[in-house]
mmCIF file of all heavy atoms, coordinates in Angstrom:
data_MODEL
# 
_entry.id   MODEL 
# 
loop_
_atom_site.group_PDB 
_atom_site.id 
_atom_site.type_symbol 
_atom_site.label_atom_id 
_atom_site.label_alt_id 
_atom_site.label_comp_id 
_atom_site.label_asym_id 
_atom_site.label_entity_id 
_atom_site.label_seq_id 
_atom_site.pdbx_PDB_ins_code 
_atom_site.Cartn_x 
_atom_site.Cartn_y 
_atom_site.Cartn_z 
_atom_site.occupancy 
_atom_site.B_iso_or_equiv 
_atom_site.pdbx_formal_charge 
_atom_site.auth_seq_id 
_atom_site.auth_comp_id 
_atom_site.auth_asym_id 
_atom_site.auth_atom_id 
_atom_site.pdbx_PDB_model_num 
ATOM 1   N N   . SER A 1 1  ? 33.086 41.113 -30.319 1.00 0.00 ? 1  SER A N   1 
ATOM 2   C CA  . SER A 1 1  ? 33.636 41.263 -28.967 1.00 0.00 ? 1  SER A CA  1 
ATOM 3   C C   . SER A 1 1  ? 33.083 42.499 -28.280 1.00 0.00 ? 1  SER A C   1 
ATOM 4   O O   . SER A 1 1  ? 32.726 42.469 -27.095 1.00 0.00 ? 1  SER A O   1 
ATOM 5   C CB  . SER A 1 1  ? 35.167 41.342 -29.025 1.00 0.00 ? 1  SER A CB  1 
ATOM 6   O OG  . SER A 1 1  ? 35.707 40.231 -29.696 1.00 0.00 ? 1  SER A OG  1 
ATOM 7   N N   . ARG A 1 2  ? 33.003 43.615 -29.025 1.00 0.00 ? 2  ARG A N   1 
ATOM 8   C CA  . ARG A 1 2  ? 32.509 44.862 -28.446 1.00 0.00 ? 2  ARG A CA  1 
ATOM 9   C C   . ARG A 1 2  ? 31.028 44.730 -28.067 1.00 0.00 ? 2  ARG A C   1 
ATOM 10  O O   . ARG A 1 2  ? 30.622 45.148 -26.962 1.00 0.00 ? 2  ARG A O   1 
ATOM 11  C CB  . ARG A 1 2  ? 32.688 45.984 -29.457 1.00 0.00 ? 2  ARG A CB  1 
ATOM 12  C CG  . ARG A 1 2  ? 32.515 47.372 -28.894 1.00 0.00 ? 2  ARG A CG  1 
ATOM 13  C CD  . ARG A 1 2  ? 33.759 47.875 -28.198 1.00 0.00 ? 2  ARG A CD  1 
ATOM 14  N NE  . ARG A 1 2  ? 34.819 48.188 -29.132 1.00 0.00 ? 2  ARG A NE  1 
ATOM 15  C CZ  . ARG A 1 2  ? 36.048 48.523 -28.781 1.00 0.00 ? 2  ARG A CZ  1 
ATOM 16  N NH1 . ARG A 1 2  ? 36.374 48.564 -27.498 1.00 0.00 ? 2  ARG A NH1 1 
ATOM 17  N NH2 . ARG A 1 2  ? 36.975 48.804 -29.665 1.00 0.00 ? 2  ARG A NH2 1 
ATOM 18  N N   . GLN A 1 3  ? 30.237 44.133 -28.942 1.00 0.00 ? 3  GLN A N   1 
ATOM 19  C CA  . GLN A 1 3  ? 28.810 43.968 -28.645 1.00 0.00 ? 3  GLN A CA  1 
ATOM 20  C C   . GLN A 1 3  ? 28.592 42.974 -27.510 1.00 0.00 ? 3  GLN A C   1 
ATOM 21  O O   . GLN A 1 3  ? 27.719 43.177 -26.654 1.00 0.00 ? 3  GLN A O   1 
ATOM 22  C CB  . GLN A 1 3  ? 28.076 43.506 -29.906 1.00 0.00 ? 3  GLN A CB  1 
ATOM 23  C CG  . GLN A 1 3  ? 28.021 44.551 -31.000 1.00 0.00 ? 3  GLN A CG  1 
ATOM 24  C CD  . GLN A 1 3  ? 27.373 44.031 -32.273 1.00 0.00 ? 3  GLN A CD  1 
ATOM 25  O OE1 . GLN A 1 3  ? 27.300 42.836 -32.509 1.00 0.00 ? 3  GLN A OE1 1 
ATOM 26  N NE2 . GLN A 1 3  ? 26.898 44.945 -33.103 1.00 0.00 ? 3  GLN A NE2 1 
ATOM 27  N N   . PHE A 1 4  ? 29.375 41.921 -27.497 1.00 0.00 ? 4  PHE A N   1 
ATOM 28  C CA  . PHE A 1 4  ? 29.297 40.921 -26.437 1.00 0.00 ? 4  PHE A CA  1 
ATOM 29  C C   . PHE A 1 4  ? 29.582 41.579 -25.078 1.00 0.00 ? 4  PHE A C   1 
ATOM 30  O O   . PHE A 1 4  ? 28.879 41.356 -24.087 1.00 0.00 ? 4  PHE A O   1 
ATOM 31  C CB  . PHE A 1 4  ? 30.301 39.804 -26.712 1.00 0.00 ? 4  PHE A CB  1 
ATOM 32  C CG  . PHE A 1 4  ? 29.986 38.500 -26.038 1.00 0.00 ? 4  PHE A CG  1 
ATOM 33  C CD1 . PHE A 1 4  ? 30.744 37.370 -26.317 1.00 0.00 ? 4  PHE A CD1 1 
ATOM 34  C CD2 . PHE A 1 4  ? 28.951 38.376 -25.123 1.00 0.00 ? 4  PHE A CD2 1 
ATOM 35  C CE1 . PHE A 1 4  ? 30.481 36.150 -25.718 1.00 0.00 ? 4  PHE A CE1 1 
ATOM 36  C CE2 . PHE A 1 4  ? 28.663 37.164 -24.510 1.00 0.00 ? 4  PHE A CE2 1 
ATOM 37  C CZ  . PHE A 1 4  ? 29.433 36.052 -24.800 1.00 0.00 ? 4  PHE A CZ  1 
ATOM 38  N N   . ALA A 1 5  ? 30.635 42.414 -25.040 1.00 0.00 ? 5  ALA A N   1 
ATOM 39  C CA  . ALA A 1 5  ? 31.000 43.109 -23.805 1.00 0.00 ? 5  ALA A CA  1 
ATOM 40  C C   . ALA A 1 5  ? 29.870 44.018 -23.330 1.00 0.00 ? 5  ALA A C   1 
ATOM 41  O O   . ALA A 1 5  ? 29.554 44.077 -22.130 1.00 0.00 ? 5  ALA A O   1 
ATOM 42  C CB  . ALA A 1 5  ? 32.278 43.920 -24.030 1.00 0.00 ? 5  ALA A CB  1 
ATOM 43  N N   . THR A 1 6  ? 29.247 44.734 -24.276 1.00 0.00 ? 6  THR A N   1 
ATOM 44  C CA  . THR A 1 6  ? 28.154 45.655 -23.923 1.00 0.00 ? 6  THR A CA  1 
ATOM 45  C C   . THR A 1 6  ? 26.976 44.903 -23.331 1.00 0.00 ? 6  THR A C   1 
ATOM 46  O O   . THR A 1 6  ? 26.374 45.344 -22.337 1.00 0.00 ? 6  THR A O   1 
ATOM 47  C CB  . THR A 1 6  ? 27.710 46.433 -25.175 1.00 0.00 ? 6  THR A CB  1 
ATOM 48  O OG1 . THR A 1 6  ? 28.837 47.119 -25.736 1.00 0.00 ? 6  THR A OG1 1 
ATOM 49  C CG2 . THR A 1 6  ? 26.625 47.435 -24.833 1.00 0.00 ? 6  THR A CG2 1 
ATOM 50  N N   . MET A 1 7  ? 26.650 43.755 -23.914 1.00 0.00 ? 7  MET A N   1 
ATOM 51  C CA  . MET A 1 7  ? 25.510 42.968 -23.434 1.00 0.00 ? 7  MET A CA  1 
ATOM 52  C C   . MET A 1 7  ? 25.773 42.379 -22.043 1.00 0.00 ? 7  MET A C   1 
ATOM 53  O O   . MET A 1 7  ? 24.896 42.374 -21.185 1.00 0.00 ? 7  MET A O   1 
ATOM 54  C CB  . MET A 1 7  ? 25.189 41.845 -24.424 1.00 0.00 ? 7  MET A CB  1 
ATOM 55  C CG  . MET A 1 7  ? 24.646 42.332 -25.741 1.00 0.00 ? 7  MET A CG  1 
ATOM 56  S SD  . MET A 1 7  ? 24.334 40.971 -26.899 1.00 0.00 ? 7  MET A SD  1 
ATOM 57  C CE  . MET A 1 7  ? 24.053 41.884 -28.400 1.00 0.00 ? 7  MET A CE  1 
ATOM 58  N N   . ILE A 1 8  ? 26.999 41.876 -21.830 1.00 0.00 ? 8  ILE A N   1 
ATOM 59  C CA  . ILE A 1 8  ? 27.348 41.326 -20.516 1.00 0.00 ? 8  ILE A CA  1 
ATOM 60  C C   . ILE A 1 8  ? 27.324 42.428 -19.465 1.00 0.00 ? 8  ILE A C   1 
ATOM 61  O O   . ILE A 1 8  ? 26.820 42.242 -18.345 1.00 0.00 ? 8  ILE A O   1 
ATOM 62  C CB  . ILE A 1 8  ? 28.742 40.659 -20.556 1.00 0.00 ? 8  ILE A CB  1 
ATOM 63  C CG1 . ILE A 1 8  ? 28.750 39.462 -21.518 1.00 0.00 ? 8  ILE A CG1 1 
ATOM 64  C CG2 . ILE A 1 8  ? 29.161 40.207 -19.159 1.00 0.00 ? 8  ILE A CG2 1 
ATOM 65  C CD1 . ILE A 1 8  ? 27.852 38.324 -21.137 1.00 0.00 ? 8  ILE A CD1 1 
ATOM 66  N N   . GLU A 1 9  ? 27.830 43.618 -19.836 1.00 0.00 ? 9  GLU A N   1 
ATOM 67  C CA  . GLU A 1 9  ? 27.830 44.746 -18.907 1.00 0.00 ? 9  GLU A CA  1 
ATOM 68  C C   . GLU A 1 9  ? 26.407 45.184 -18.577 1.00 0.00 ? 9  GLU A C   1 
ATOM 69  O O   . GLU A 1 9  ? 26.123 45.641 -17.458 1.00 0.00 ? 9  GLU A O   1 
ATOM 70  C CB  . GLU A 1 9  ? 28.611 45.912 -19.525 1.00 0.00 ? 9  GLU A CB  1 
ATOM 71  C CG  . GLU A 1 9  ? 28.815 47.085 -18.594 1.00 0.00 ? 9  GLU A CG  1 
ATOM 72  C CD  . GLU A 1 9  ? 29.570 48.227 -19.247 1.00 0.00 ? 9  GLU A CD  1 
ATOM 73  O OE1 . GLU A 1 9  ? 29.821 48.147 -20.463 1.00 0.00 ? 9  GLU A OE1 1 
ATOM 74  O OE2 . GLU A 1 9  ? 29.895 49.199 -18.533 1.00 0.00 ? 9  GLU A OE2 1 
ATOM 75  N N   . ALA A 1 10 ? 25.490 45.041 -19.552 1.00 0.00 ? 10 ALA A N   1 
ATOM 76  C CA  . ALA A 1 10 ? 24.094 45.423 -19.342 1.00 0.00 ? 10 ALA A CA  1 
ATOM 77  C C   . ALA A 1 10 ? 23.330 44.422 -18.478 1.00 0.00 ? 10 ALA A C   1 
ATOM 78  O O   . ALA A 1 10 ? 22.186 44.683 -18.108 1.00 0.00 ? 10 ALA A O   1 
ATOM 79  C CB  . ALA A 1 10 ? 23.401 45.575 -20.690 1.00 0.00 ? 10 ALA A CB  1 
ATOM 80  N N   . GLY A 1 11 ? 23.940 43.279 -18.173 1.00 0.00 ? 11 GLY A N   1 
ATOM 81  C CA  . GLY A 1 11 ? 23.310 42.315 -17.281 1.00 0.00 ? 11 GLY A CA  1 
ATOM 82  C C   . GLY A 1 11 ? 22.781 41.062 -17.945 1.00 0.00 ? 11 GLY A C   1 
ATOM 83  O O   . GLY A 1 11 ? 22.195 40.197 -17.272 1.00 0.00 ? 11 GLY A O   1 
ATOM 84  N N   . LEU A 1 12 ? 22.936 40.926 -19.254 1.00 0.00 ? 12 LEU A N   1 
ATOM 85  C CA  . LEU A 1 12 ? 22.474 39.711 -19.932 1.00 0.00 ? 12 LEU A CA  1 
ATOM 86  C C   . LEU A 1 12 ? 23.409 38.558 -19.598 1.00 0.00 ? 12 LEU A C   1 
ATOM 87  O O   . LEU A 1 12 ? 24.607 38.760 -19.405 1.00 0.00 ? 12 LEU A O   1 
ATOM 88  C CB  . LEU A 1 12 ? 22.455 39.908 -21.448 1.00 0.00 ? 12 LEU A CB  1 
ATOM 89  C CG  . LEU A 1 12 ? 21.168 40.492 -22.058 1.00 0.00 ? 12 LEU A CG  1 
ATOM 90  C CD1 . LEU A 1 12 ? 21.018 41.957 -21.690 1.00 0.00 ? 12 LEU A CD1 1 
ATOM 91  C CD2 . LEU A 1 12 ? 21.185 40.313 -23.578 1.00 0.00 ? 12 LEU A CD2 1 
ATOM 92  N N   . ASN A 1 13 ? 22.860 37.354 -19.539 1.00 0.00 ? 13 ASN A N   1 
ATOM 93  C CA  . ASN A 1 13 ? 23.726 36.183 -19.343 1.00 0.00 ? 13 ASN A CA  1 
ATOM 94  C C   . ASN A 1 13 ? 24.371 35.802 -20.666 1.00 0.00 ? 13 ASN A C   1 
ATOM 95  O O   . ASN A 1 13 ? 23.993 36.303 -21.732 1.00 0.00 ? 13 ASN A O   1 
ATOM 96  C CB  . ASN A 1 13 ? 22.956 35.011 -18.726 1.00 0.00 ? 13 ASN A CB  1 
ATOM 97  C CG  . ASN A 1 13 ? 21.797 34.546 -19.612 1.00 0.00 ? 13 ASN A CG  1 
ATOM 98  O OD1 . ASN A 1 13 ? 21.953 34.362 -20.811 1.00 0.00 ? 13 ASN A OD1 1 
ATOM 99  N ND2 . ASN A 1 13 ? 20.622 34.367 -19.016 1.00 0.00 ? 13 ASN A ND2 1 
ATOM 100 N N   . VAL A 1 14 ? 25.357 34.906 -20.611 1.00 0.00 ? 14 VAL A N   1 
ATOM 101 C CA  . VAL A 1 14 ? 26.159 34.569 -21.790 1.00 0.00 ? 14 VAL A CA  1 
ATOM 102 C C   . VAL A 1 14 ? 25.300 33.968 -22.897 1.00 0.00 ? 14 VAL A C   1 
ATOM 103 O O   . VAL A 1 14 ? 25.428 34.335 -24.070 1.00 0.00 ? 14 VAL A O   1 
ATOM 104 C CB  . VAL A 1 14 ? 27.290 33.594 -21.403 1.00 0.00 ? 14 VAL A CB  1 
ATOM 105 C CG1 . VAL A 1 14 ? 28.008 33.086 -22.646 1.00 0.00 ? 14 VAL A CG1 1 
ATOM 106 C CG2 . VAL A 1 14 ? 28.289 34.280 -20.471 1.00 0.00 ? 14 VAL A CG2 1 
ATOM 107 N N   . VAL A 1 15 ? 24.392 33.057 -22.532 1.00 0.00 ? 15 VAL A N   1 
ATOM 108 C CA  . VAL A 1 15 ? 23.563 32.379 -23.542 1.00 0.00 ? 15 VAL A CA  1 
ATOM 109 C C   . VAL A 1 15 ? 22.664 33.378 -24.253 1.00 0.00 ? 15 VAL A C   1 
ATOM 110 O O   . VAL A 1 15 ? 22.558 33.369 -25.493 1.00 0.00 ? 15 VAL A O   1 
ATOM 111 C CB  . VAL A 1 15 ? 22.732 31.254 -22.896 1.00 0.00 ? 15 VAL A CB  1 
ATOM 112 C CG1 . VAL A 1 15 ? 21.763 30.655 -23.915 1.00 0.00 ? 15 VAL A CG1 1 
ATOM 113 C CG2 . VAL A 1 15 ? 23.633 30.167 -22.339 1.00 0.00 ? 15 VAL A CG2 1 
ATOM 114 N N   . SER A 1 16 ? 22.019 34.268 -23.504 1.00 0.00 ? 16 SER A N   1 
ATOM 115 C CA  . SER A 1 16 ? 21.130 35.270 -24.115 1.00 0.00 ? 16 SER A CA  1 
ATOM 116 C C   . SER A 1 16 ? 21.903 36.186 -25.058 1.00 0.00 ? 16 SER A C   1 
ATOM 117 O O   . SER A 1 16 ? 21.435 36.517 -26.149 1.00 0.00 ? 16 SER A O   1 
ATOM 118 C CB  . SER A 1 16 ? 20.450 36.097 -23.024 1.00 0.00 ? 16 SER A CB  1 
ATOM 119 O OG  . SER A 1 16 ? 19.683 35.276 -22.175 1.00 0.00 ? 16 SER A OG  1 
ATOM 120 N N   . ALA A 1 17 ? 23.096 36.589 -24.627 1.00 0.00 ? 17 ALA A N   1 
ATOM 121 C CA  . ALA A 1 17 ? 23.925 37.452 -25.475 1.00 0.00 ? 17 ALA A CA  1 
ATOM 122 C C   . ALA A 1 17 ? 24.317 36.733 -26.761 1.00 0.00 ? 17 ALA A C   1 
ATOM 123 O O   . ALA A 1 17 ? 24.304 37.324 -27.850 1.00 0.00 ? 17 ALA A O   1 
ATOM 124 C CB  . ALA A 1 17 ? 25.164 37.887 -24.703 1.00 0.00 ? 17 ALA A CB  1 
ATOM 125 N N   . LEU A 1 18 ? 24.664 35.451 -26.649 1.00 0.00 ? 18 LEU A N   1 
ATOM 126 C CA  . LEU A 1 18 ? 25.062 34.683 -27.833 1.00 0.00 ? 18 LEU A CA  1 
ATOM 127 C C   . LEU A 1 18 ? 23.897 34.496 -28.796 1.00 0.00 ? 18 LEU A C   1 
ATOM 128 O O   . LEU A 1 18 ? 24.084 34.496 -30.019 1.00 0.00 ? 18 LEU A O   1 
ATOM 129 C CB  . LEU A 1 18 ? 25.620 33.321 -27.411 1.00 0.00 ? 18 LEU A CB  1 
ATOM 130 C CG  . LEU A 1 18 ? 27.010 33.340 -26.749 1.00 0.00 ? 18 LEU A CG  1 
ATOM 131 C CD1 . LEU A 1 18 ? 27.366 31.959 -26.213 1.00 0.00 ? 18 LEU A CD1 1 
ATOM 132 C CD2 . LEU A 1 18 ? 28.073 33.819 -27.722 1.00 0.00 ? 18 LEU A CD2 1 
ATOM 133 N N   . VAL A 1 19 ? 22.686 34.348 -28.266 1.00 0.00 ? 19 VAL A N   1 
ATOM 134 C CA  . VAL A 1 19 ? 21.499 34.212 -29.127 1.00 0.00 ? 19 VAL A CA  1 
ATOM 135 C C   . VAL A 1 19 ? 21.323 35.472 -29.969 1.00 0.00 ? 19 VAL A C   1 
ATOM 136 O O   . VAL A 1 19 ? 21.089 35.410 -31.188 1.00 0.00 ? 19 VAL A O   1 
ATOM 137 C CB  . VAL A 1 19 ? 20.239 33.949 -28.273 1.00 0.00 ? 19 VAL A CB  1 
ATOM 138 C CG1 . VAL A 1 19 ? 18.980 34.069 -29.132 1.00 0.00 ? 19 VAL A CG1 1 
ATOM 139 C CG2 . VAL A 1 19 ? 20.293 32.565 -27.641 1.00 0.00 ? 19 VAL A CG2 1 
ATOM 140 N N   . ILE A 1 20 ? 21.450 36.627 -29.327 1.00 0.00 ? 20 ILE A N   1 
ATOM 141 C CA  . ILE A 1 20 ? 21.297 37.905 -30.042 1.00 0.00 ? 20 ILE A CA  1 
ATOM 142 C C   . ILE A 1 20 ? 22.403 38.088 -31.072 1.00 0.00 ? 20 ILE A C   1 
ATOM 143 O O   . ILE A 1 20 ? 22.164 38.477 -32.217 1.00 0.00 ? 20 ILE A O   1 
ATOM 144 C CB  . ILE A 1 20 ? 21.288 39.079 -29.038 1.00 0.00 ? 20 ILE A CB  1 
ATOM 145 C CG1 . ILE A 1 20 ? 20.094 38.959 -28.104 1.00 0.00 ? 20 ILE A CG1 1 
ATOM 146 C CG2 . ILE A 1 20 ? 21.266 40.412 -29.774 1.00 0.00 ? 20 ILE A CG2 1 
ATOM 147 C CD1 . ILE A 1 20 ? 20.107 39.926 -26.945 1.00 0.00 ? 20 ILE A CD1 1 
ATOM 148 N N   . LEU A 1 21 ? 23.646 37.790 -30.671 1.00 0.00 ? 21 LEU A N   1 
ATOM 149 C CA  . LEU A 1 21 ? 24.784 37.951 -31.577 1.00 0.00 ? 21 LEU A CA  1 
ATOM 150 C C   . LEU A 1 21 ? 24.697 37.009 -32.771 1.00 0.00 ? 21 LEU A C   1 
ATOM 151 O O   . LEU A 1 21 ? 25.084 37.367 -33.884 1.00 0.00 ? 21 LEU A O   1 
ATOM 152 C CB  . LEU A 1 21 ? 26.084 37.696 -30.811 1.00 0.00 ? 21 LEU A CB  1 
ATOM 153 C CG  . LEU A 1 21 ? 26.477 38.767 -29.788 1.00 0.00 ? 21 LEU A CG  1 
ATOM 154 C CD1 . LEU A 1 21 ? 27.588 38.275 -28.879 1.00 0.00 ? 21 LEU A CD1 1 
ATOM 155 C CD2 . LEU A 1 21 ? 26.899 40.051 -30.490 1.00 0.00 ? 21 LEU A CD2 1 
ATOM 156 N N   . GLU A 1 22 ? 24.181 35.811 -32.537 1.00 0.00 ? 22 GLU A N   1 
ATOM 157 C CA  . GLU A 1 22 ? 24.033 34.839 -33.630 1.00 0.00 ? 22 GLU A CA  1 
ATOM 158 C C   . GLU A 1 22 ? 23.074 35.354 -34.693 1.00 0.00 ? 22 GLU A C   1 
ATOM 159 O O   . GLU A 1 22 ? 23.276 35.155 -35.895 1.00 0.00 ? 22 GLU A O   1 
ATOM 160 C CB  . GLU A 1 22 ? 23.515 33.520 -33.057 1.00 0.00 ? 22 GLU A CB  1 
ATOM 161 C CG  . GLU A 1 22 ? 23.310 32.422 -34.088 1.00 0.00 ? 22 GLU A CG  1 
ATOM 162 C CD  . GLU A 1 22 ? 22.673 31.179 -33.481 1.00 0.00 ? 22 GLU A CD  1 
ATOM 163 O OE1 . GLU A 1 22 ? 22.566 31.093 -32.242 1.00 0.00 ? 22 GLU A OE1 1 
ATOM 164 O OE2 . GLU A 1 22 ? 22.279 30.293 -34.272 1.00 0.00 ? 22 GLU A OE2 1 
ATOM 165 N N   . GLU A 1 23 ? 22.036 36.057 -34.259 1.00 0.00 ? 23 GLU A N   1 
ATOM 166 C CA  . GLU A 1 23 ? 21.022 36.551 -35.191 1.00 0.00 ? 23 GLU A CA  1 
ATOM 167 C C   . GLU A 1 23 ? 21.466 37.783 -35.965 1.00 0.00 ? 23 GLU A C   1 
ATOM 168 O O   . GLU A 1 23 ? 21.077 37.967 -37.119 1.00 0.00 ? 23 GLU A O   1 
ATOM 169 C CB  . GLU A 1 23 ? 19.732 36.873 -34.414 1.00 0.00 ? 23 GLU A CB  1 
ATOM 170 C CG  . GLU A 1 23 ? 19.044 35.645 -33.828 1.00 0.00 ? 23 GLU A CG  1 
ATOM 171 C CD  . GLU A 1 23 ? 17.861 36.006 -32.946 1.00 0.00 ? 23 GLU A CD  1 
ATOM 172 O OE1 . GLU A 1 23 ? 17.688 37.231 -32.687 1.00 0.00 ? 23 GLU A OE1 1 
ATOM 173 O OE2 . GLU A 1 23 ? 17.140 35.101 -32.520 1.00 0.00 ? 23 GLU A OE2 1 
ATOM 174 N N   . GLN A 1 24 ? 22.301 38.620 -35.334 1.00 0.00 ? 24 GLN A N   1 
ATOM 175 C CA  . GLN A 1 24 ? 22.602 39.900 -35.971 1.00 0.00 ? 24 GLN A CA  1 
ATOM 176 C C   . GLN A 1 24 ? 23.951 39.962 -36.685 1.00 0.00 ? 24 GLN A C   1 
ATOM 177 O O   . GLN A 1 24 ? 24.216 40.926 -37.403 1.00 0.00 ? 24 GLN A O   1 
ATOM 178 C CB  . GLN A 1 24 ? 22.533 41.026 -34.937 1.00 0.00 ? 24 GLN A CB  1 
ATOM 179 C CG  . GLN A 1 24 ? 23.633 40.981 -33.890 1.00 0.00 ? 24 GLN A CG  1 
ATOM 180 C CD  . GLN A 1 24 ? 23.468 42.099 -32.863 1.00 0.00 ? 24 GLN A CD  1 
ATOM 181 O OE1 . GLN A 1 24 ? 22.371 42.577 -32.614 1.00 0.00 ? 24 GLN A OE1 1 
ATOM 182 N NE2 . GLN A 1 24 ? 24.574 42.518 -32.273 1.00 0.00 ? 24 GLN A NE2 1 
ATOM 183 N N   . THR A 1 25 ? 24.811 38.957 -36.531 1.00 0.00 ? 25 THR A N   1 
ATOM 184 C CA  . THR A 1 25 ? 26.096 39.004 -37.221 1.00 0.00 ? 25 THR A CA  1 
ATOM 185 C C   . THR A 1 25 ? 25.930 38.746 -38.719 1.00 0.00 ? 25 THR A C   1 
ATOM 186 O O   . THR A 1 25 ? 25.123 37.915 -39.133 1.00 0.00 ? 25 THR A O   1 
ATOM 187 C CB  . THR A 1 25 ? 27.084 37.988 -36.621 1.00 0.00 ? 25 THR A CB  1 
ATOM 188 O OG1 . THR A 1 25 ? 28.335 38.103 -37.281 1.00 0.00 ? 25 THR A OG1 1 
ATOM 189 C CG2 . THR A 1 25 ? 26.581 36.559 -36.784 1.00 0.00 ? 25 THR A CG2 1 
ATOM 190 N N   . ASP A 1 26 ? 26.679 39.501 -39.528 1.00 0.00 ? 26 ASP A N   1 
ATOM 191 C CA  . ASP A 1 26 ? 26.612 39.367 -40.991 1.00 0.00 ? 26 ASP A CA  1 
ATOM 192 C C   . ASP A 1 26 ? 27.643 38.374 -41.527 1.00 0.00 ? 26 ASP A C   1 
ATOM 193 O O   . ASP A 1 26 ? 27.539 37.945 -42.674 1.00 0.00 ? 26 ASP A O   1 
ATOM 194 C CB  . ASP A 1 26 ? 26.845 40.729 -41.656 1.00 0.00 ? 26 ASP A CB  1 
ATOM 195 C CG  . ASP A 1 26 ? 25.744 41.722 -41.317 1.00 0.00 ? 26 ASP A CG  1 
ATOM 196 O OD1 . ASP A 1 26 ? 24.585 41.270 -41.154 1.00 0.00 ? 26 ASP A OD1 1 
ATOM 197 O OD2 . ASP A 1 26 ? 26.031 42.928 -41.215 1.00 0.00 ? 26 ASP A OD2 1 
# 
């Protein structure tokens, strides 16, 4: 949630943020 919020605040769209989060979550 915290990383998602940071990415949305930085201007990324939802799909792009989810792609990054999918790759980096453990």
